[in-house]
PDB file of N, CA and C in Angstrom:
ATOM      1  N   MET A   1       0.757  -0.997   0.227  1.00  0.00           N
ATOM      2  CA  MET A   1      -0.312   0.538   0.193  1.00  0.00           C
ATOM      3  C   MET A   1       0.937   1.270   0.177  1.00  0.00           C
ATOM      4  N   ARG A   2       0.768   1.903  -1.006  1.00  0.00           N
ATOM      5  CA  ARG A   2       1.248   3.164  -0.937  1.00  0.00           C
ATOM      6  C   ARG A   2       0.063   4.367  -0.899  1.00  0.00           C
ATOM      7  N   ILE A   3       0.784   5.170   0.070  1.00  0.00           N
ATOM      8  CA  ILE A   3      -0.363   6.509   0.101  1.00  0.00           C
ATOM      9  C   ILE A   3      -0.132   7.592  -0.856  1.00  0.00           C
ATOM     10  N   ASP A   4       0.156   7.177  -1.905  1.00  0.00           N
ATOM     11  CA  ASP A   4       0.217   7.963  -3.440  1.00  0.00           C
ATOM     12  C   ASP A   4      -1.099   7.112  -3.883  1.00  0.00           C
ATOM     13  N   ASP A   5      -1.767   5.815  -3.318  1.00  0.00           N
ATOM     14  CA  ASP A   5      -2.724   5.543  -3.818  1.00  0.00           C
ATOM     15  C   ASP A   5      -4.329   5.685  -2.702  1.00  0.00           C
ATOM     16  N   ALA A   6      -3.704   6.161  -2.340  1.00  0.00           N
ATOM     17  CA  ALA A   6      -4.684   6.350  -1.429  1.00  0.00           C
ATOM     18  C   ALA A   6      -5.978   6.920  -1.503  1.00  0.00           C
ATOM     19  N   VAL A   7      -7.180   6.230  -1.701  1.00  0.00           N
ATOM     20  CA  VAL A   7      -8.423   6.379  -1.121  1.00  0.00           C
ATOM     21  C   VAL A   7      -8.975   8.038  -0.595  1.00  0.00           C
ATOM     22  N   LEU A   8      -9.478   9.235  -0.960  1.00  0.00           N
ATOM     23  CA  LEU A   8     -10.141   9.887   0.418  1.00  0.00           C
ATOM     24  C   LEU A   8     -11.846   9.630   0.033  1.00  0.00           C
ATOM     25  N   LEU A   9     -11.872   8.988   1.703  1.00  0.00           N
ATOM     26  CA  LEU A   9     -13.365   8.958   2.292  1.00  0.00           C
ATOM     27  C   LEU A   9     -13.389  10.887   2.792  1.00  0.00           C
ATOM     28  N   ASP A  10     -13.973  12.085   2.142  1.00  0.00           N
ATOM     29  CA  ASP A  10     -14.279  12.682   2.427  1.00  0.00           C
ATOM     30  C   ASP A  10     -15.793  12.562   3.213  1.00  0.00           C
ATOM     31  N   LEU A  11     -16.146  13.264   3.998  1.00  0.00           N
ATOM     32  CA  LEU A  11     -16.959  13.242   5.354  1.00  0.00           C
ATOM     33  C   LEU A  11     -17.684  14.450   5.374  1.00  0.00           C
ATOM     34  N   THR A  12     -16.907  16.081   4.990  1.00  0.00           N
ATOM     35  CA  THR A  12     -17.715  16.704   4.657  1.00  0.00           C
ATOM     36  C   THR A  12     -19.137  16.490   4.587  1.00  0.00           C
ATOM     37  N   GLY A  13     -19.957  17.216   5.187  1.00  0.00           N
ATOM     38  CA  GLY A  13     -21.475  17.623   4.791  1.00  0.00           C
ATOM     39  C   GLY A  13     -22.507  15.893   5.502  1.00  0.00           C
ATOM     40  N   VAL A  14     -21.829  15.148   6.117  1.00  0.00           N
ATOM     41  CA  VAL A  14     -21.947  13.614   6.549  1.00  0.00           C
ATOM     42  C   VAL A  14     -22.153  14.744   8.406  1.00  0.00           C
ATOM     43  N   THR A  15     -23.729  14.884   8.440  1.00  0.00           N
ATOM     44  CA  THR A  15     -24.765  14.620   9.902  1.00  0.00           C
ATOM     45  C   THR A  15     -25.025  12.921  10.204  1.00  0.00           C
ATOM     46  N   ASP A  16     -24.980  12.157   9.449  1.00  0.00           N
ATOM     47  CA  ASP A  16     -26.042  10.971  10.523  1.00  0.00           C
ATOM     48  C   ASP A  16     -25.078   9.685  10.895  1.00  0.00           C
ATOM     49  N   LYS A  17     -25.442   7.770  10.436  1.00  0.00           N
ATOM     50  CA  LYS A  17     -24.569   7.261  10.514  1.00  0.00           C
ATOM     51  C   LYS A  17     -25.470   7.311   8.911  1.00  0.00           C
ATOM     52  N   ALA A  18     -26.153   6.963   8.618  1.00  0.00           N
ATOM     53  CA  ALA A  18     -26.633   6.739   6.634  1.00  0.00           C
ATOM     54  C   ALA A  18     -26.129   7.666   6.301  1.00  0.00           C
ATOM     55  N   ALA A  19     -25.799   8.606   5.793  1.00  0.00           N
ATOM     56  CA  ALA A  19     -24.559   9.620   5.051  1.00  0.00           C
ATOM     57  C   ALA A  19     -23.653   8.835   5.088  1.00  0.00           C
ATOM     58  N   LEU A  20     -23.201   8.449   7.019  1.00  0.00           N
ATOM     59  CA  LEU A  20     -22.116   7.510   6.615  1.00  0.00           C
ATOM     60  C   LEU A  20     -21.205   7.064   5.712  1.00  0.00           C
ATOM     61  N   MET A  21     -22.611   5.883   6.355  1.00  0.00           N
ATOM     62  CA  MET A  21     -22.598   4.264   5.331  1.00  0.00           C
ATOM     63  C   MET A  21     -22.621   4.799   3.485  1.00  0.00           C
ATOM     64  N   ASP A  22     -23.816   5.980   3.602  1.00  0.00           N
ATOM     65  CA  ASP A  22     -23.482   5.756   1.530  1.00  0.00           C
ATOM     66  C   ASP A  22     -22.584   6.395   1.122  1.00  0.00           C
ATOM     67  N   ARG A  23     -21.911   7.120   2.090  1.00  0.00           N
ATOM     68  CA  ARG A  23     -20.107   7.589   1.613  1.00  0.00           C
ATOM     69  C   ARG A  23     -19.489   6.657   1.303  1.00  0.00           C
ATOM     70  N   CYS A  24     -19.763   5.640   2.521  1.00  0.00           N
ATOM     71  CA  CYS A  24     -18.673   4.324   2.755  1.00  0.00           C
ATOM     72  C   CYS A  24     -18.809   3.528   1.251  1.00  0.00           C
ATOM     73  N   ALA A  25     -20.406   3.156   0.639  1.00  0.00           N
ATOM     74  CA  ALA A  25     -20.416   2.524   0.616  1.00  0.00           C
ATOM     75  C   ALA A  25     -19.862   3.180  -1.250  1.00  0.00           C
ATOM     76  N   VAL A  26     -20.141   4.885  -1.536  1.00  0.00           N
ATOM     77  CA  VAL A  26     -19.490   5.167  -3.113  1.00  0.00           C
ATOM     78  C   VAL A  26     -18.719   5.492  -3.164  1.00  0.00           C
ATOM     79  N   THR A  27     -18.028   5.682  -1.750  1.00  0.00           N
ATOM     80  CA  THR A  27     -15.885   5.868  -1.982  1.00  0.00           C
ATOM     81  C   THR A  27     -15.023   4.353  -2.249  1.00  0.00           C
ATOM     82  N   LEU A  28     -15.571   3.155  -1.561  1.00  0.00           N
ATOM     83  CA  LEU A  28     -14.996   2.398  -0.792  1.00  0.00           C
ATOM     84  C   LEU A  28     -15.746   1.172  -2.097  1.00  0.00           C
ATOM     85  N   ALA A  29     -16.765   1.209  -2.801  1.00  0.00           N
ATOM     86  CA  ALA A  29     -17.009   0.856  -3.421  1.00  0.00           C
ATOM     87  C   ALA A  29     -17.447  -0.364  -3.049  1.00  0.00           C
ATOM     88  N   LEU A  30     -18.932  -0.223  -2.515  1.00  0.00           N
ATOM     89  CA  LEU A  30     -19.015  -1.258  -1.302  1.00  0.00           C
ATOM     90  C   LEU A  30     -19.535  -2.423  -2.385  1.00  0.00           C
ATOM     91  N   PRO A  31     -19.967  -3.595  -2.571  1.00  0.00           N
ATOM     92  CA  PRO A  31     -21.032  -4.455  -2.681  1.00  0.00           C
ATOM     93  C   PRO A  31     -22.134  -3.975  -2.718  1.00  0.00           C
ATOM     94  N   ALA A  32     -24.116  -4.910  -3.301  1.00  0.00           N
ATOM     95  CA  ALA A  32     -24.447  -4.211  -2.915  1.00  0.00           C
ATOM     96  C   ALA A  32     -25.778  -4.695  -2.229  1.00  0.00           C
ATOM     97  N   TRP A  33     -24.681  -5.957  -1.859  1.00  0.00           N
ATOM     98  CA  TRP A  33     -25.323  -6.471  -1.178  1.00  0.00           C
ATOM     99  C   TRP A  33     -25.010  -5.813   0.320  1.00  0.00           C
ATOM    100  N   PHE A  34     -23.917  -5.131   0.681  1.00  0.00           N
ATOM    101  CA  PHE A  34     -23.947  -3.942   1.824  1.00  0.00           C
ATOM    102  C   PHE A  34     -25.065  -3.671   2.692  1.00  0.00           C
ATOM    103  N   GLY A  35     -25.108  -3.858   3.190  1.00  0.00           N
ATOM    104  CA  GLY A  35     -26.445  -3.355   4.892  1.00  0.00           C
ATOM    105  C   GLY A  35     -26.102  -2.367   5.026  1.00  0.00           C
ATOM    106  N   ARG A  36     -25.692  -1.738   5.545  1.00  0.00           N
ATOM    107  CA  ARG A  36     -25.317  -0.278   5.538  1.00  0.00           C
ATOM    108  C   ARG A  36     -25.385   0.244   7.372  1.00  0.00           C
ATOM    109  N   ASN A  37     -25.250  -1.225   7.992  1.00  0.00           N
ATOM    110  CA  ASN A  37     -25.259  -0.738   9.304  1.00  0.00           C
ATOM    111  C   ASN A  37     -23.282  -1.279   9.822  1.00  0.00           C
ATOM    112  N   TRP A  38     -23.741  -1.535  10.952  1.00  0.00           N
ATOM    113  CA  TRP A  38     -21.906  -1.534  11.440  1.00  0.00           C
ATOM    114  C   TRP A  38     -22.024  -3.403  11.584  1.00  0.00           C
ATOM    115  N   ASP A  39     -22.331  -3.998  11.182  1.00  0.00           N
ATOM    116  CA  ASP A  39     -21.428  -5.294  10.865  1.00  0.00           C
ATOM    117  C   ASP A  39     -21.211  -4.715   9.579  1.00  0.00           C
ATOM    118  N   ALA A  40     -22.413  -5.025   8.500  1.00  0.00           N
ATOM    119  CA  ALA A  40     -21.869  -5.069   7.309  1.00  0.00           C
ATOM    120  C   ALA A  40     -20.830  -3.869   7.353  1.00  0.00           C
ATOM    121  N   LEU A  41     -21.061  -3.221   7.785  1.00  0.00           N
ATOM    122  CA  LEU A  41     -19.084  -2.690   6.745  1.00  0.00           C
ATOM    123  C   LEU A  41     -17.963  -2.679   7.215  1.00  0.00           C
ATOM    124  N   ALA A  42     -18.357  -3.434   9.049  1.00  0.00           N
ATOM    125  CA  ALA A  42     -16.882  -4.634   9.432  1.00  0.00           C
ATOM    126  C   ALA A  42     -16.775  -5.603   8.315  1.00  0.00           C
ATOM    127  N   ASP A  43     -17.678  -6.321   7.864  1.00  0.00           N
ATOM    128  CA  ASP A  43     -17.691  -7.307   6.942  1.00  0.00           C
ATOM    129  C   ASP A  43     -17.254  -7.452   5.516  1.00  0.00           C
ATOM    130  N   CYS A  44     -17.526  -6.038   5.151  1.00  0.00           N
ATOM    131  CA  CYS A  44     -17.027  -5.071   3.222  1.00  0.00           C
ATOM    132  C   CYS A  44     -15.719  -5.126   3.602  1.00  0.00           C
ATOM    133  N   LEU A  45     -15.232  -4.103   5.126  1.00  0.00           N
ATOM    134  CA  LEU A  45     -13.995  -3.848   5.091  1.00  0.00           C
ATOM    135  C   LEU A  45     -13.224  -5.134   5.315  1.00  0.00           C
ATOM    136  N   ALA A  46     -13.463  -5.641   6.029  1.00  0.00           N
ATOM    137  CA  ALA A  46     -12.683  -7.354   6.036  1.00  0.00           C
ATOM    138  C   ALA A  46     -12.338  -7.752   4.627  1.00  0.00           C
ATOM    139  N   ASP A  47     -13.896  -7.705   3.761  1.00  0.00           N
ATOM    140  CA  ASP A  47     -12.970  -8.047   1.914  1.00  0.00           C
ATOM    141  C   ASP A  47     -12.993  -7.209   1.164  1.00  0.00           C
ATOM    142  N   LEU A  48     -12.342  -5.866   1.540  1.00  0.00           N
ATOM    143  CA  LEU A  48     -12.215  -5.638   0.305  1.00  0.00           C
ATOM    144  C   LEU A  48     -10.835  -5.666  -1.228  1.00  0.00           C
ATOM    145  N   PRO A  49     -11.696  -5.753  -1.826  1.00  0.00           N
ATOM    146  CA  PRO A  49     -11.013  -6.953  -3.040  1.00  0.00           C
ATOM    147  C   PRO A  49      -9.261  -6.532  -3.284  1.00  0.00           C
ATOM    148  N   GLU A  50      -8.697  -5.227  -2.436  1.00  0.00           N
ATOM    149  CA  GLU A  50      -7.433  -5.583  -3.119  1.00  0.00           C
ATOM    150  C   GLU A  50      -6.890  -4.261  -1.643  1.00  0.00           C
ATOM    151  N   PRO A  51      -5.499  -4.537  -1.455  1.00  0.00           N
ATOM    152  CA  PRO A  51      -4.624  -3.545  -0.272  1.00  0.00           C
ATOM    153  C   PRO A  51      -5.502  -1.843  -0.979  1.00  0.00           C
ATOM    154  N   VAL A  52      -5.181  -1.196   0.223  1.00  0.00           N
ATOM    155  CA  VAL A  52      -6.013   0.017  -0.194  1.00  0.00           C
ATOM    156  C   VAL A  52      -5.849   0.723   1.234  1.00  0.00           C
ATOM    157  N   THR A  53      -5.413   2.495   1.148  1.00  0.00           N
ATOM    158  CA  THR A  53      -5.168   3.255   2.150  1.00  0.00           C
ATOM    159  C   THR A  53      -6.389   3.943   2.455  1.00  0.00           C
ATOM    160  N   VAL A  54      -6.970   4.558   3.305  1.00  0.00           N
ATOM    161  CA  VAL A  54      -8.175   5.202   3.082  1.00  0.00           C
ATOM    162  C   VAL A  54      -7.274   6.962   3.808  1.00  0.00           C
ATOM    163  N   VAL A  55      -8.097   7.617   3.566  1.00  0.00           N
ATOM    164  CA  VAL A  55      -7.775   9.049   4.075  1.00  0.00           C
ATOM    165  C   VAL A  55      -9.338   9.461   4.527  1.00  0.00           C
ATOM    166  N   VAL A  56      -9.320   9.931   5.526  1.00  0.00           N
ATOM    167  CA  VAL A  56     -10.608  10.237   6.687  1.00  0.00           C
ATOM    168  C   VAL A  56     -10.578  11.651   6.203  1.00  0.00           C
ATOM    169  N   THR A  57     -11.685  12.635   5.797  1.00  0.00           N
ATOM    170  CA  THR A  57     -11.171  13.227   5.660  1.00  0.00           C
ATOM    171  C   THR A  57     -12.298  14.082   5.779  1.00  0.00           C
ATOM    172  N   GLY A  58     -12.405  16.000   6.149  1.00  0.00           N
ATOM    173  CA  GLY A  58     -14.317  16.483   6.787  1.00  0.00           C
ATOM    174  C   GLY A  58     -15.323  15.592   7.834  1.00  0.00           C
ATOM    175  N   TRP A  59     -14.601  14.981   8.822  1.00  0.00           N
ATOM    176  CA  TRP A  59     -14.844  13.895  10.096  1.00  0.00           C
ATOM    177  C   TRP A  59     -14.826  14.982  10.824  1.00  0.00           C
ATOM    178  N   GLN A  60     -14.667  15.412  11.609  1.00  0.00           N
ATOM    179  CA  GLN A  60     -14.276  16.995  12.160  1.00  0.00           C
ATOM    180  C   GLN A  60     -16.070  17.212  12.964  1.00  0.00           C
ATOM    181  N   GLU A  61     -16.372  17.837  12.127  1.00  0.00           N
ATOM    182  CA  GLU A  61     -17.863  18.391  12.259  1.00  0.00           C
ATOM    183  C   GLU A  61     -19.170  17.101  12.957  1.00  0.00           C
ATOM    184  N   TYR A  62     -18.984  15.716  11.464  1.00  0.00           N
ATOM    185  CA  TYR A  62     -19.701  14.882  12.381  1.00  0.00           C
ATOM    186  C   TYR A  62     -18.868  13.567  13.857  1.00  0.00           C
ATOM    187  N   ALA A  63     -17.933  14.187  13.874  1.00  0.00           N
ATOM    188  CA  ALA A  63     -17.572  13.325  15.692  1.00  0.00           C
ATOM    189  C   ALA A  63     -17.958  14.532  16.693  1.00  0.00           C
ATOM    190  N   ARG A  64     -18.637  15.980  15.846  1.00  0.00           N
ATOM    191  CA  ARG A  64     -18.560  16.817  17.028  1.00  0.00           C
ATOM    192  C   ARG A  64     -20.276  16.639  17.204  1.00  0.00           C
ATOM    193  N   THR A  65     -20.823  16.503  16.783  1.00  0.00           N
ATOM    194  CA  THR A  65     -22.145  15.685  16.452  1.00  0.00           C
ATOM    195  C   THR A  65     -23.297  15.065  16.787  1.00  0.00           C
ATOM    196  N   ARG A  66     -21.747  13.665  15.920  1.00  0.00           N
ATOM    197  CA  ARG A  66     -22.570  12.131  16.540  1.00  0.00           C
ATOM    198  C   ARG A  66     -21.393  11.715  17.350  1.00  0.00           C
ATOM    199  N   SER A  67     -21.168  12.308  18.156  1.00  0.00           N
ATOM    200  CA  SER A  67     -19.531  11.644  18.909  1.00  0.00           C
ATOM    201  C   SER A  67     -19.638   9.965  19.351  1.00  0.00           C
ATOM    202  N   ARG A  68     -21.005   9.637  19.366  1.00  0.00           N
ATOM    203  CA  ARG A  68     -20.975   8.621  20.227  1.00  0.00           C
ATOM    204  C   ARG A  68     -20.814   7.528  18.500  1.00  0.00           C
ATOM    205  N   GLU A  69     -21.632   7.504  17.356  1.00  0.00           N
ATOM    206  CA  GLU A  69     -21.345   7.158  15.823  1.00  0.00           C
ATOM    207  C   GLU A  69     -19.650   7.150  16.013  1.00  0.00           C
ATOM    208  N   TRP A  70     -19.658   8.397  15.841  1.00  0.00           N
ATOM    209  CA  TRP A  70     -17.630   8.662  14.923  1.00  0.00           C
ATOM    210  C   TRP A  70     -17.421   7.552  16.207  1.00  0.00           C
ATOM    211  N   ARG A  71     -17.785   7.601  17.713  1.00  0.00           N
ATOM    212  CA  ARG A  71     -17.024   6.523  18.255  1.00  0.00           C
ATOM    213  C   ARG A  71     -17.138   5.243  17.060  1.00  0.00           C
ATOM    214  N   THR A  72     -18.001   4.846  17.412  1.00  0.00           N
ATOM    215  CA  THR A  72     -18.519   3.840  16.937  1.00  0.00           C
ATOM    216  C   THR A  72     -17.594   3.196  15.596  1.00  0.00           C
ATOM    217  N   ALA A  73     -17.558   4.263  14.485  1.00  0.00           N
ATOM    218  CA  ALA A  73     -17.180   4.202  13.312  1.00  0.00           C
ATOM    219  C   ALA A  73     -15.157   3.847  13.193  1.00  0.00           C
ATOM    220  N   GLN A  74     -14.895   4.729  14.135  1.00  0.00           N
ATOM    221  CA  GLN A  74     -13.936   4.609  14.849  1.00  0.00           C
ATOM    222  C   GLN A  74     -12.900   3.124  14.766  1.00  0.00           C
ATOM    223  N   ASP A  75     -13.795   2.338  16.136  1.00  0.00           N
ATOM    224  CA  ASP A  75     -13.718   1.090  16.367  1.00  0.00           C
ATOM    225  C   ASP A  75     -14.049   0.075  14.949  1.00  0.00           C
ATOM    226  N   VAL A  76     -14.827   0.690  14.314  1.00  0.00           N
ATOM    227  CA  VAL A  76     -15.407  -0.674  13.374  1.00  0.00           C
ATOM    228  C   VAL A  76     -13.991  -0.399  11.790  1.00  0.00           C
ATOM    229  N   PHE A  77     -13.216   0.965  12.000  1.00  0.00           N
ATOM    230  CA  PHE A  77     -12.335   1.014  11.258  1.00  0.00           C
ATOM    231  C   PHE A  77     -11.050   0.619  11.309  1.00  0.00           C
ATOM    232  N   ALA A  78     -10.383   1.198  13.190  1.00  0.00           N
ATOM    233  CA  ALA A  78     -10.202   0.149  14.033  1.00  0.00           C
ATOM    234  C   ALA A  78      -9.205  -2.033  13.514  1.00  0.00           C
ATOM    235  N   THR A  79     -10.688  -1.771  14.260  1.00  0.00           N
ATOM    236  CA  THR A  79     -10.534  -3.329  14.142  1.00  0.00           C
ATOM    237  C   THR A  79     -10.196  -3.867  13.038  1.00  0.00           C
ATOM    238  N   ALA A  80     -10.635  -3.284  11.961  1.00  0.00           N
ATOM    239  CA  ALA A  80     -10.826  -4.126  10.205  1.00  0.00           C
ATOM    240  C   ALA A  80      -9.256  -3.501  10.235  1.00  0.00           C
ATOM    241  N   VAL A  81      -8.667  -2.886  10.010  1.00  0.00           N
ATOM    242  CA  VAL A  81      -6.900  -2.210   9.827  1.00  0.00           C
ATOM    243  C   VAL A  81      -6.181  -3.525  11.142  1.00  0.00           C
ATOM    244  N   ASP A  82      -6.317  -3.431  12.148  1.00  0.00           N
ATOM    245  CA  ASP A  82      -6.141  -4.879  12.954  1.00  0.00           C
ATOM    246  C   ASP A  82      -6.486  -6.294  13.053  1.00  0.00           C
ATOM    247  N   GLU A  83      -7.325  -6.227  11.756  1.00  0.00           N
ATOM    248  CA  GLU A  83      -7.539  -7.913  12.260  1.00  0.00           C
ATOM    249  C   GLU A  83      -6.671  -8.096  10.683  1.00  0.00           C
ATOM    250  N   SER A  84      -6.226  -7.061   8.969  1.00  0.00           N
ATOM    251  CA  SER A  84      -6.151  -7.202   8.274  1.00  0.00           C
ATOM    252  C   SER A  84      -4.101  -5.695   7.495  1.00  0.00           C
ATOM    253  N   PRO A  85      -3.622  -5.910   8.710  1.00  0.00           N
ATOM    254  CA  PRO A  85      -3.001  -5.248   8.818  1.00  0.00           C
ATOM    255  C   PRO A  85      -2.300  -4.337   6.827  1.00  0.00           C
ATOM    256  N   THR A  86      -2.330  -6.036   5.970  1.00  0.00           N
ATOM    257  CA  THR A  86      -1.293  -4.988   5.368  1.00  0.00           C
ATOM    258  C   THR A  86      -2.882  -5.333   4.020  1.00  0.00           C
ATOM    259  N   ARG A  87      -3.398  -5.107   4.422  1.00  0.00           N
ATOM    260  CA  ARG A  87      -4.764  -4.313   3.219  1.00  0.00           C
ATOM    261  C   ARG A  87      -5.575  -3.770   3.623  1.00  0.00           C
ATOM    262  N   LEU A  88      -5.435  -3.090   4.683  1.00  0.00           N
ATOM    263  CA  LEU A  88      -5.638  -1.901   5.458  1.00  0.00           C
ATOM    264  C   LEU A  88      -5.792  -0.784   6.238  1.00  0.00           C
ATOM    265  N   SER A  89      -4.297   0.285   5.704  1.00  0.00           N
ATOM    266  CA  SER A  89      -4.835   1.458   6.546  1.00  0.00           C
ATOM    267  C   SER A  89      -6.154   2.576   6.133  1.00  0.00           C
ATOM    268  N   VAL A  90      -5.985   2.946   7.207  1.00  0.00           N
ATOM    269  CA  VAL A  90      -7.046   3.888   7.216  1.00  0.00           C
ATOM    270  C   VAL A  90      -6.706   5.283   8.298  1.00  0.00           C
ATOM    271  N   LEU A  91      -6.208   6.444   7.537  1.00  0.00           N
ATOM    272  CA  LEU A  91      -5.332   7.741   7.967  1.00  0.00           C
ATOM    273  C   LEU A  91      -6.631   8.406   8.252  1.00  0.00           C
ATOM    274  N   LEU A  92      -6.277   9.090   9.385  1.00  0.00           N
ATOM    275  CA  LEU A  92      -7.153  11.079   9.591  1.00  0.00           C
ATOM    276  C   LEU A  92      -6.566  12.030   9.316  1.00  0.00           C
ATOM    277  N   SER A  93      -6.817  12.760   8.251  1.00  0.00           N
ATOM    278  CA  SER A  93      -6.669  13.523   8.362  1.00  0.00           C
ATOM    279  C   SER A  93      -7.362  15.203   8.716  1.00  0.00           C
ATOM    280  N   LEU A  94      -6.182  16.145   9.583  1.00  0.00           N
ATOM    281  CA  LEU A  94      -6.380  16.283  10.845  1.00  0.00           C
ATOM    282  C   LEU A  94      -6.766  17.859  10.380  1.00  0.00           C
ATOM    283  N   GLY A  95      -5.906  18.294   8.771  1.00  0.00           N
ATOM    284  CA  GLY A  95      -6.451  20.211   8.637  1.00  0.00           C
ATOM    285  C   GLY A  95      -7.280  19.372   7.649  1.00  0.00           C
ATOM    286  N   GLU A  96      -7.901  20.879   6.448  1.00  0.00           N
ATOM    287  CA  GLU A  96      -8.960  20.802   6.397  1.00  0.00           C
ATOM    288  C   GLU A  96      -9.018  20.182   4.531  1.00  0.00           C
ATOM    289  N   GLY A  97      -7.712  19.383   4.089  1.00  0.00           N
ATOM    290  CA  GLY A  97      -7.826  18.519   3.108  1.00  0.00           C
ATOM    291  C   GLY A  97      -6.314  17.991   3.575  1.00  0.00           C
ATOM    292  N   LEU A  98      -6.084  17.341   1.646  1.00  0.00           N
ATOM    293  CA  LEU A  98      -4.614  16.701   2.022  1.00  0.00           C
ATOM    294  C   LEU A  98      -3.804  17.622   1.139  1.00  0.00           C
ATOM    295  N   VAL A  99      -2.977  17.522   2.039  1.00  0.00           N
ATOM    296  CA  VAL A  99      -1.322  18.350   1.647  1.00  0.00           C
ATOM    297  C   VAL A  99      -0.316  16.787   1.158  1.00  0.00           C
ATOM    298  N   GLY A 100       0.725  17.694   0.245  1.00  0.00           N
ATOM    299  CA  GLY A 100       2.450  17.268  -0.720  1.00  0.00           C
ATOM    300  C   GLY A 100       1.597  16.876  -1.667  1.00  0.00           C
ATOM    301  N   SER A 101       0.427  16.563  -1.762  1.00  0.00           N
ATOM    302  CA  SER A 101       0.831  16.763  -3.755  1.00  0.00           C
ATOM    303  C   SER A 101      -0.189  17.532  -4.261  1.00  0.00           C
ATOM    304  N   ASP A 102       0.766  17.572  -5.701  1.00  0.00           N
ATOM    305  CA  ASP A 102      -0.730  17.996  -6.647  1.00  0.00           C
ATOM    306  C   ASP A 102      -1.829  17.795  -7.038  1.00  0.00           C
ATOM    307  N   GLU A 103      -1.601  16.414  -7.002  1.00  0.00           N
ATOM    308  CA  GLU A 103      -2.724  15.377  -7.555  1.00  0.00           C
ATOM    309  C   GLU A 103      -3.370  14.886  -6.306  1.00  0.00           C
ATOM    310  N   PRO A 104      -4.353  14.895  -6.943  1.00  0.00           N
ATOM    311  CA  PRO A 104      -5.485  14.264  -5.808  1.00  0.00           C
ATOM    312  C   PRO A 104      -6.150  13.132  -6.095  1.00  0.00           C
ATOM    313  N   PRO A 105      -6.054  12.590  -4.726  1.00  0.00           N
ATOM    314  CA  PRO A 105      -6.413  10.742  -4.646  1.00  0.00           C
ATOM    315  C   PRO A 105      -7.814  10.568  -5.079  1.00  0.00           C
ATOM    316  N   ALA A 106      -7.217   9.099  -5.816  1.00  0.00           N
ATOM    317  CA  ALA A 106      -8.681   8.379  -5.861  1.00  0.00           C
ATOM    318  C   ALA A 106      -9.857   8.610  -5.420  1.00  0.00           C
ATOM    319  N   THR A 107     -11.057   8.792  -5.460  1.00  0.00           N
ATOM    320  CA  THR A 107     -12.266   9.066  -4.910  1.00  0.00           C
ATOM    321  C   THR A 107     -12.712   8.139  -5.282  1.00  0.00           C
ATOM    322  N   SER A 108     -12.426   6.951  -5.389  1.00  0.00           N
ATOM    323  CA  SER A 108     -13.277   5.968  -4.697  1.00  0.00           C
ATOM    324  C   SER A 108     -12.324   4.741  -5.829  1.00  0.00           C
ATOM    325  N   LEU A 109     -13.079   3.248  -5.448  1.00  0.00           N
ATOM    326  CA  LEU A 109     -12.180   1.858  -5.602  1.00  0.00           C
ATOM    327  C   LEU A 109     -12.804   1.443  -7.091  1.00  0.00           C
ATOM    328  N   GLY A 110     -13.959   2.318  -7.509  1.00  0.00           N
ATOM    329  CA  GLY A 110     -14.485   1.726  -8.046  1.00  0.00           C
ATOM    330  C   GLY A 110     -14.419   2.219  -9.668  1.00  0.00           C
TER     331      GLY A 110
END
């Protein structure tokens, strides 16, 4: 996995769990059977077709307004990384955008 090939999971404008699940489904090209719940997200993260680095941006507002959901999301992503450290990396962008490259990251896996 190279950071140059990172997928950008932009959570700007995400205000609830449903929107988070929709954003994950589109950005990570999750399968049609994705049930848009925490267990289904965990299953899909474990079954990603290729190694991927996900850079999460725009998460701060969601974390502030839906702190319990955000903690659950962090747990789901952290568990997926722990279970497949060579296939999945998840990074949180602490700024307002990605820096260090003139090229935008991939917007989705699909």
